[in-house]
C-alpha atoms as a PDB file:
ATOM      1  CA  MET A   1     -10.351 -10.332  11.079  1.00  0.00           C
ATOM      2  CA  ASP A   2      -7.321 -12.576  11.426  1.00  0.00           C
ATOM      3  CA  PRO A   3      -4.892 -11.655  14.234  1.00  0.00           C
ATOM      4  CA  VAL A   4      -1.981 -10.704  11.936  1.00  0.00           C
ATOM      5  CA  ARG A   5      -4.142  -8.331   9.869  1.00  0.00           C
ATOM      6  CA  ALA A   6      -5.672  -6.917  13.055  1.00  0.00           C
ATOM      7  CA  THR A   7      -2.243  -6.257  14.577  1.00  0.00           C
ATOM      8  CA  LEU A   8      -0.875  -4.640  11.428  1.00  0.00           C
ATOM      9  CA  THR A   9      -3.890  -2.380  10.924  1.00  0.00           C
ATOM     10  CA  SER A  10      -3.991  -1.412  14.606  1.00  0.00           C
ATOM     11  CA  TYR A  11      -0.350  -0.297  14.586  1.00  0.00           C
ATOM     12  CA  LEU A  12      -0.808   1.393  11.218  1.00  0.00           C
ATOM     13  CA  GLN A  13      -3.714   3.425  12.581  1.00  0.00           C
ATOM     14  CA  SER A  14      -1.766   4.320  15.739  1.00  0.00           C
ATOM     15  CA  ALA A  15       1.106   5.676  13.642  1.00  0.00           C
ATOM     16  CA  ARG A  16      -1.314   7.701  11.504  1.00  0.00           C
ATOM     17  CA  GLU A  17      -2.999   9.217  14.530  1.00  0.00           C
ATOM     18  CA  ALA A  18       0.322  10.013  16.203  1.00  0.00           C
ATOM     19  CA  LEU A  19       1.468  11.884  13.105  1.00  0.00           C
ATOM     20  CA  VAL A  20      -1.688  13.981  12.843  1.00  0.00           C
ATOM     21  CA  TRP A  21      -1.760  14.653  16.589  1.00  0.00           C
ATOM     22  CA  LYS A  22       1.655  16.311  16.362  1.00  0.00           C
ATOM     23  CA  LEU A  23       0.014  19.196  14.456  1.00  0.00           C
ATOM     24  CA  ASP A  24      -2.748  19.845  17.007  1.00  0.00           C
ATOM     25  CA  GLY A  25      -2.818  23.401  18.262  1.00  0.00           C
ATOM     26  CA  LEU A  26      -0.080  24.672  15.970  1.00  0.00           C
ATOM     27  CA  THR A  27      -0.322  27.491  13.445  1.00  0.00           C
ATOM     28  CA  GLU A  28       0.070  27.215   9.683  1.00  0.00           C
ATOM     29  CA  GLU A  29       3.472  28.867  10.028  1.00  0.00           C
ATOM     30  CA  GLN A  30       4.659  26.465  12.736  1.00  0.00           C
ATOM     31  CA  VAL A  31       3.715  23.304  10.802  1.00  0.00           C
ATOM     32  CA  ARG A  32       5.380  24.573   7.603  1.00  0.00           C
ATOM     33  CA  ARG A  33       8.610  25.928   9.092  1.00  0.00           C
ATOM     34  CA  PRO A  34      11.668  23.870   8.025  1.00  0.00           C
ATOM     35  CA  MET A  35      13.277  22.499  11.180  1.00  0.00           C
ATOM     36  CA  THR A  36      16.315  20.681   9.758  1.00  0.00           C
ATOM     37  CA  PRO A  37      19.017  21.436   7.175  1.00  0.00           C
ATOM     38  CA  THR A  38      17.071  19.250   4.696  1.00  0.00           C
ATOM     39  CA  GLY A  39      13.820  21.164   5.227  1.00  0.00           C
ATOM     40  CA  THR A  40      11.890  18.602   7.279  1.00  0.00           C
ATOM     41  CA  ASN A  41       8.676  20.136   8.562  1.00  0.00           C
ATOM     42  CA  LEU A  42       5.569  18.749  10.254  1.00  0.00           C
ATOM     43  CA  LEU A  43       3.071  19.401   7.472  1.00  0.00           C
ATOM     44  CA  GLY A  44       5.484  18.011   4.898  1.00  0.00           C
ATOM     45  CA  LEU A  45       5.699  14.768   6.869  1.00  0.00           C
ATOM     46  CA  ILE A  46       1.914  14.402   6.699  1.00  0.00           C
ATOM     47  CA  LYS A  47       1.891  15.144   2.979  1.00  0.00           C
ATOM     48  CA  HIS A  48       4.702  12.639   2.390  1.00  0.00           C
ATOM     49  CA  CYS A  49       2.799   9.947   4.288  1.00  0.00           C
ATOM     50  CA  THR A  50      -0.224  10.661   2.088  1.00  0.00           C
ATOM     51  CA  TYR A  51       1.920   9.898  -0.949  1.00  0.00           C
ATOM     52  CA  VAL A  52       3.268   6.764   0.753  1.00  0.00           C
ATOM     53  CA  GLU A  53      -0.185   5.364   1.509  1.00  0.00           C
ATOM     54  CA  ASN A  54      -1.637   6.354  -1.875  1.00  0.00           C
ATOM     55  CA  GLY A  55       1.287   4.712  -3.640  1.00  0.00           C
ATOM     56  CA  TYR A  56       1.900   1.560  -1.653  1.00  0.00           C
ATOM     57  CA  LEU A  57      -1.637   0.812  -0.507  1.00  0.00           C
ATOM     58  CA  GLY A  58      -3.361   2.039  -3.643  1.00  0.00           C
ATOM     59  CA  GLU A  59      -1.412   2.101  -6.877  1.00  0.00           C
ATOM     60  CA  VAL A  60       0.723  -0.963  -6.018  1.00  0.00           C
ATOM     61  CA  PHE A  61      -2.436  -3.084  -5.733  1.00  0.00           C
ATOM     62  CA  GLY A  62      -4.170  -1.733  -8.824  1.00  0.00           C
ATOM     63  CA  ARG A  63      -6.245   0.808  -6.904  1.00  0.00           C
ATOM     64  CA  PRO A  64      -4.852   4.221  -7.890  1.00  0.00           C
ATOM     65  CA  VAL A  65      -6.339   7.186  -6.065  1.00  0.00           C
ATOM     66  CA  ALA A  66      -8.517   9.297  -8.343  1.00  0.00           C
ATOM     67  CA  ASP A  67      -8.158  12.591  -6.474  1.00  0.00           C
ATOM     68  CA  GLY A  68      -5.022  12.234  -4.376  1.00  0.00           C
ATOM     69  CA  PRO A  69      -1.346  12.873  -4.918  1.00  0.00           C
ATOM     70  CA  THR A  70       1.073  10.242  -6.209  1.00  0.00           C
ATOM     71  CA  TRP A  71       4.755  10.344  -7.122  1.00  0.00           C
ATOM     72  CA  GLU A  72       4.256   9.437 -10.757  1.00  0.00           C
ATOM     73  CA  GLY A  73       4.707  12.419 -13.040  1.00  0.00           C
ATOM     74  CA  GLU A  74       5.828  14.844 -10.313  1.00  0.00           C
ATOM     75  CA  ALA A  75       8.089  17.560 -11.740  1.00  0.00           C
ATOM     76  CA  ASP A  76       9.326  18.693  -8.312  1.00  0.00           C
ATOM     77  CA  PRO A  77      11.245  15.875  -6.562  1.00  0.00           C
ATOM     78  CA  PHE A  78      10.439  17.484  -3.181  1.00  0.00           C
ATOM     79  CA  GLN A  79       6.708  17.980  -3.864  1.00  0.00           C
ATOM     80  CA  ASP A  80       5.687  15.328  -1.338  1.00  0.00           C
ATOM     81  CA  MET A  81       7.734  16.900   1.472  1.00  0.00           C
ATOM     82  CA  TYR A  82       6.108  20.322   1.846  1.00  0.00           C
ATOM     83  CA  ALA A  83       2.759  22.037   1.524  1.00  0.00           C
ATOM     84  CA  THR A  84       2.498  24.691  -1.167  1.00  0.00           C
ATOM     85  CA  ALA A  85       1.141  28.125  -0.308  1.00  0.00           C
ATOM     86  CA  ASP A  86      -2.183  27.039  -1.846  1.00  0.00           C
ATOM     87  CA  GLU A  87      -2.521  23.983   0.440  1.00  0.00           C
ATOM     88  CA  SER A  88      -3.792  24.547   3.967  1.00  0.00           C
ATOM     89  CA  MET A  89      -3.060  22.407   6.984  1.00  0.00           C
ATOM     90  CA  ASP A  90      -6.723  21.328   6.974  1.00  0.00           C
ATOM     91  CA  ASP A  91      -6.458  20.355   3.281  1.00  0.00           C
ATOM     92  CA  ILE A  92      -3.342  18.246   3.866  1.00  0.00           C
ATOM     93  CA  ILE A  93      -4.817  16.496   6.918  1.00  0.00           C
ATOM     94  CA  ALA A  94      -8.100  15.825   5.108  1.00  0.00           C
ATOM     95  CA  GLY A  95      -6.158  14.392   2.168  1.00  0.00           C
ATOM     96  CA  TYR A  96      -4.218  12.156   4.526  1.00  0.00           C
ATOM     97  CA  ARG A  97      -7.436  10.896   6.120  1.00  0.00           C
ATOM     98  CA  ARG A  98      -8.791  10.087   2.634  1.00  0.00           C
ATOM     99  CA  ALA A  99      -5.553   8.199   1.945  1.00  0.00           C
ATOM    100  CA  TRP A 100      -6.160   6.154   5.144  1.00  0.00           C
ATOM    101  CA  GLU A 101      -9.635   5.231   3.978  1.00  0.00           C
ATOM    102  CA  HIS A 102      -8.391   4.231   0.549  1.00  0.00           C
ATOM    103  CA  ALA A 103      -5.502   2.235   2.034  1.00  0.00           C
ATOM    104  CA  ASP A 104      -7.821   0.501   4.499  1.00  0.00           C
ATOM    105  CA  ALA A 105     -10.149  -0.461   1.642  1.00  0.00           C
ATOM    106  CA  THR A 106      -7.164  -1.957  -0.212  1.00  0.00           C
ATOM    107  CA  ILE A 107      -6.172  -3.926   2.872  1.00  0.00           C
ATOM    108  CA  ALA A 108      -9.736  -5.181   3.311  1.00  0.00           C
ATOM    109  CA  ALA A 109     -10.041  -6.178  -0.360  1.00  0.00           C
ATOM    110  CA  HIS A 110      -6.913  -8.367  -0.460  1.00  0.00           C
ATOM    111  CA  ASP A 111      -5.414 -11.364   1.275  1.00  0.00           C
ATOM    112  CA  LEU A 112      -2.136 -10.658   3.038  1.00  0.00           C
ATOM    113  CA  SER A 113      -0.441 -13.024   0.592  1.00  0.00           C
ATOM    114  CA  ASP A 114      -1.685 -11.153  -2.503  1.00  0.00           C
ATOM    115  CA  GLU A 115       1.142  -9.603  -4.501  1.00  0.00           C
ATOM    116  CA  GLY A 116       1.349  -6.050  -5.725  1.00  0.00           C
ATOM    117  CA  SER A 117       3.629  -4.389  -8.240  1.00  0.00           C
ATOM    118  CA  VAL A 118       5.983  -1.682  -6.986  1.00  0.00           C
ATOM    119  CA  TRP A 119       7.233  -0.191 -10.269  1.00  0.00           C
ATOM    120  CA  TRP A 120       9.874   1.944  -8.506  1.00  0.00           C
ATOM    121  CA  TRP A 121      11.546  -1.029  -6.743  1.00  0.00           C
ATOM    122  CA  PRO A 122      14.270  -3.189  -8.354  1.00  0.00           C
ATOM    123  CA  GLU A 123      12.914  -6.051 -10.475  1.00  0.00           C
ATOM    124  CA  GLU A 124      13.933  -8.764  -8.001  1.00  0.00           C
ATOM    125  CA  ARG A 125      11.762  -7.160  -5.265  1.00  0.00           C
ATOM    126  CA  ARG A 126       9.065  -5.648  -7.453  1.00  0.00           C
ATOM    127  CA  HIS A 127       6.190  -8.004  -6.451  1.00  0.00           C
ATOM    128  CA  PRO A 128       5.860  -7.996  -2.651  1.00  0.00           C
ATOM    129  CA  SER A 129       2.928  -9.404  -0.708  1.00  0.00           C
ATOM    130  CA  LEU A 130       0.364  -7.124   0.898  1.00  0.00           C
ATOM    131  CA  HIS A 131       1.764  -8.235   4.258  1.00  0.00           C
ATOM    132  CA  ARG A 132       5.220  -6.984   3.284  1.00  0.00           C
ATOM    133  CA  VAL A 133       3.836  -3.729   1.869  1.00  0.00           C
ATOM    134  CA  ILE A 134       1.820  -2.989   5.032  1.00  0.00           C
ATOM    135  CA  THR A 135       4.941  -3.688   7.098  1.00  0.00           C
ATOM    136  CA  HIS A 136       6.965  -1.378   4.824  1.00  0.00           C
ATOM    137  CA  VAL A 137       4.376   1.417   5.140  1.00  0.00           C
ATOM    138  CA  LEU A 138       4.116   0.928   8.899  1.00  0.00           C
ATOM    139  CA  PHE A 139       7.902   1.171   9.215  1.00  0.00           C
ATOM    140  CA  ASP A 140       7.923   4.367   7.127  1.00  0.00           C
ATOM    141  CA  LEU A 141       5.081   5.961   9.118  1.00  0.00           C
ATOM    142  CA  ALA A 142       6.671   5.041  12.454  1.00  0.00           C
ATOM    143  CA  ARG A 143       9.958   6.555  11.304  1.00  0.00           C
ATOM    144  CA  HIS A 144       8.226   9.783  10.332  1.00  0.00           C
ATOM    145  CA  ALA A 145       6.221   9.827  13.568  1.00  0.00           C
ATOM    146  CA  GLY A 146       9.588   9.849  15.341  1.00  0.00           C
ATOM    147  CA  HIS A 147      10.685  12.780  13.205  1.00  0.00           C
ATOM    148  CA  ALA A 148       7.432  14.541  14.106  1.00  0.00           C
ATOM    149  CA  ASP A 149       8.042  13.888  17.824  1.00  0.00           C
ATOM    150  CA  ILE A 150      11.351  15.710  17.681  1.00  0.00           C
ATOM    151  CA  LEU A 151      10.080  18.586  15.532  1.00  0.00           C
ATOM    152  CA  ARG A 152       7.080  19.170  17.797  1.00  0.00           C
ATOM    153  CA  GLU A 153       9.264  19.144  20.903  1.00  0.00           C
ATOM    154  CA  ARG A 154      11.501  21.773  19.276  1.00  0.00           C
ATOM    155  CA  ILE A 155       8.488  23.971  18.458  1.00  0.00           C
ATOM    156  CA  ASP A 156       6.736  24.129  21.822  1.00  0.00           C
ATOM    157  CA  GLY A 157       8.055  21.369  24.076  1.00  0.00           C
ATOM    158  CA  ALA A 158       5.061  19.070  23.545  1.00  0.00           C
ATOM    159  CA  VAL A 159       6.123  15.437  23.770  1.00  0.00           C
ATOM    160  CA  GLY A 160       4.596  12.033  23.957  1.00  0.00           C
ATOM    161  CA  LEU A 161       2.794   9.211  22.311  1.00  0.00           C
ATOM    162  CA  ARG A 162      -0.779  10.541  22.317  1.00  0.00           C
ATOM    163  CA  ALA A 163      -2.732  13.449  23.724  1.00  0.00           C
ATOM    164  CA  ASP A 164      -4.151  11.182  26.444  1.00  0.00           C
ATOM    165  CA  ASN A 165      -0.899   9.294  27.174  1.00  0.00           C
ATOM    166  CA  THR A 166       2.474  10.954  26.818  1.00  0.00           C
ATOM    167  CA  ASN A 167       4.255   7.702  27.701  1.00  0.00           C
ATOM    168  CA  MET A 168       7.007   9.859  29.203  1.00  0.00           C
ATOM    169  CA  ALA A 169       8.756   9.233  32.534  1.00  0.00           C
ATOM    170  CA  THR A 170       7.702  12.619  33.909  1.00  0.00           C
ATOM    171  CA  ASP A 171       5.959  15.833  32.950  1.00  0.00           C
ATOM    172  CA  ASP A 172       7.972  17.948  35.416  1.00  0.00           C
ATOM    173  CA  PRO A 173      10.198  20.470  33.571  1.00  0.00           C
ATOM    174  CA  GLU A 174      12.625  20.585  36.508  1.00  0.00           C
ATOM    175  CA  GLU A 175      13.155  16.804  36.331  1.00  0.00           C
ATOM    176  CA  TRP A 176      13.818  17.085  32.587  1.00  0.00           C
ATOM    177  CA  ALA A 177      16.287  19.930  33.127  1.00  0.00           C
ATOM    178  CA  ALA A 178      18.152  17.873  35.741  1.00  0.00           C
ATOM    179  CA  TYR A 179      18.157  14.867  33.395  1.00  0.00           C
ATOM    180  CA  VAL A 180      19.564  16.915  30.497  1.00  0.00           C
ATOM    181  CA  THR A 181      22.208  18.404  32.810  1.00  0.00           C
ATOM    182  CA  ARG A 182      23.228  14.871  33.833  1.00  0.00           C
ATOM    183  CA  LEU A 183      23.483  13.784  30.189  1.00  0.00           C
ATOM    184  CA  ASP A 184      25.509  16.891  29.304  1.00  0.00           C
ATOM    185  CA  ALA A 185      27.948  16.062  32.122  1.00  0.00           C
ATOM    186  CA  ILE A 186      28.394  12.536  30.785  1.00  0.00           C
ATOM    187  CA  ALA A 187      28.926  13.840  27.230  1.00  0.00           C
ATOM    188  CA  ASP A 188      31.418  16.429  28.499  1.00  0.00           C
ATOM    189  CA  ARG A 189      33.615  13.599  29.780  1.00  0.00           C
ATOM    190  CA  PHE A 190      34.153  12.587  26.149  1.00  0.00           C
ATOM    191  CA  ALA A 191      34.878  16.079  24.829  1.00  0.00           C
END
């Protein structure tokens, strides 16, 4: 595998795994609970990323997913951002893993310079290369992994990059409390 493709797919897989890891150990209620004024929730982020990968790394390159969700024809404009009562956490995660496999097969089947057709983009940008599409998807997944980081921390305080490497400066709650107190004091100076 060429180094550019290897780098892109490695970071893509890391973002996928980070997103799914943020649901580990949580209940169905916790992963569905809206945590922002716009309804952002952990399970909805996973479902949205399923749509993203099925669309950009499937449909865009002439490989629509036979049994997975896509945006085309959706009556509910928010459908990709939440799990219905009939969809379990396990179902959503399994669907996302199938989307990974399908996306990875698309990546393997094409050169990075091959062009796709993104029907929902403006005409002047409608035919990006696979390289650009992977970068776009990676950017989207990384953004949503950041959302998931914050939501998970609000649920139970769990933070970090991966289960085996938090990538945090400390795991001592007292150090974090002192740090937050210091930041609050700085902010208070601007009140």
